[in-house]
């Protein structure tokens, strides 16, 4: 193995260890973010909602 190949292997190993460290350090945050992305609907645009939020209506039990 030549000097250049060893340097490439060391750099690749360092990148892999760094990525793994970040994954482990931020695991709770990344799990929540990935779960939120899985639940999202890419076909729906919230800016296209035609009806604004309706205020809660009083029920007869409140009177």
Protein backbone atom coordinates (compact mmCIF):
# COMPACT_ATOMS: atom_id res chain seq x y z
CA UNK A 1 0.00 0.00 0.00
CA UNK A 2 1.51 3.32 -1.04
CA UNK A 3 1.70 6.53 0.95
CA UNK A 4 -1.26 8.06 -0.93
CA UNK A 5 -3.47 5.05 -0.37
CA UNK A 6 -2.70 5.12 3.36
CA UNK A 7 -3.62 8.79 3.55
CA UNK A 8 -6.90 8.12 1.75
CA UNK A 9 -7.67 5.25 4.15
CA UNK A 10 -6.91 7.43 7.19
CA UNK A 11 -9.08 10.29 5.93
CA UNK A 12 -11.92 7.92 5.07
CA UNK A 13 -11.67 6.30 8.51
CA UNK A 14 -11.67 9.69 10.25
CA UNK A 15 -14.76 10.77 8.32
CA UNK A 16 -16.54 7.53 9.20
CA UNK A 17 -15.70 7.87 12.91
CA UNK A 18 -16.78 11.53 12.90
CA UNK A 19 -20.09 10.71 11.24
CA UNK A 20 -20.71 7.90 13.74
CA UNK A 21 -19.90 10.21 16.66
CA UNK A 22 -22.39 12.81 15.41
CA UNK A 23 -25.07 10.13 14.90
CA UNK A 24 -24.59 8.86 18.47
CA UNK A 25 -24.37 12.33 20.05
CA UNK A 26 -27.53 13.65 18.38
CA UNK A 27 -29.49 10.36 18.25
CA UNK A 28 -32.60 11.58 20.15
CA UNK A 29 -32.87 14.72 18.03
CA UNK A 30 -32.25 12.85 14.78
CA UNK A 31 -34.83 10.19 15.68
CA UNK A 32 -37.49 12.86 16.27
CA UNK A 33 -36.57 14.68 13.06
CA UNK A 34 -36.69 11.48 11.01
CA UNK A 35 -40.06 10.52 12.53
CA UNK A 36 -41.46 13.95 11.68
CA UNK A 37 -40.23 13.64 8.09
CA UNK A 38 -41.81 10.18 7.81
CA UNK A 39 -45.18 11.58 8.95
CA UNK A 40 -45.11 14.57 6.61
CA UNK A 41 -46.99 14.59 3.33
CA UNK A 42 -44.77 16.05 0.59
CA UNK A 43 -47.79 16.54 -1.71
CA UNK A 44 -49.54 18.88 0.78
CA UNK A 45 -48.54 22.54 0.99
CA UNK A 46 -49.78 24.21 4.18
CA UNK A 47 -49.71 27.59 2.41
CA UNK A 48 -52.41 26.35 0.02
CA UNK A 49 -55.01 25.78 2.76
CA UNK A 50 -58.06 27.78 1.67
CA UNK A 51 -59.95 27.82 4.95
CA UNK A 52 -58.48 29.76 7.87
CA UNK A 53 -58.59 28.25 11.33
CA UNK A 54 -62.08 28.44 12.81
CA UNK A 55 -62.57 29.78 16.33
CA UNK A 56 -64.05 27.30 18.81
CA UNK A 57 -67.83 27.47 19.02
CA UNK A 58 -69.66 27.58 22.30
CA UNK A 59 -71.70 24.51 23.06
CA UNK A 60 -75.01 24.44 24.88
CA UNK A 61 -73.24 22.93 27.90
CA UNK A 62 -71.24 26.18 28.27
CA UNK A 63 -74.38 28.34 28.65
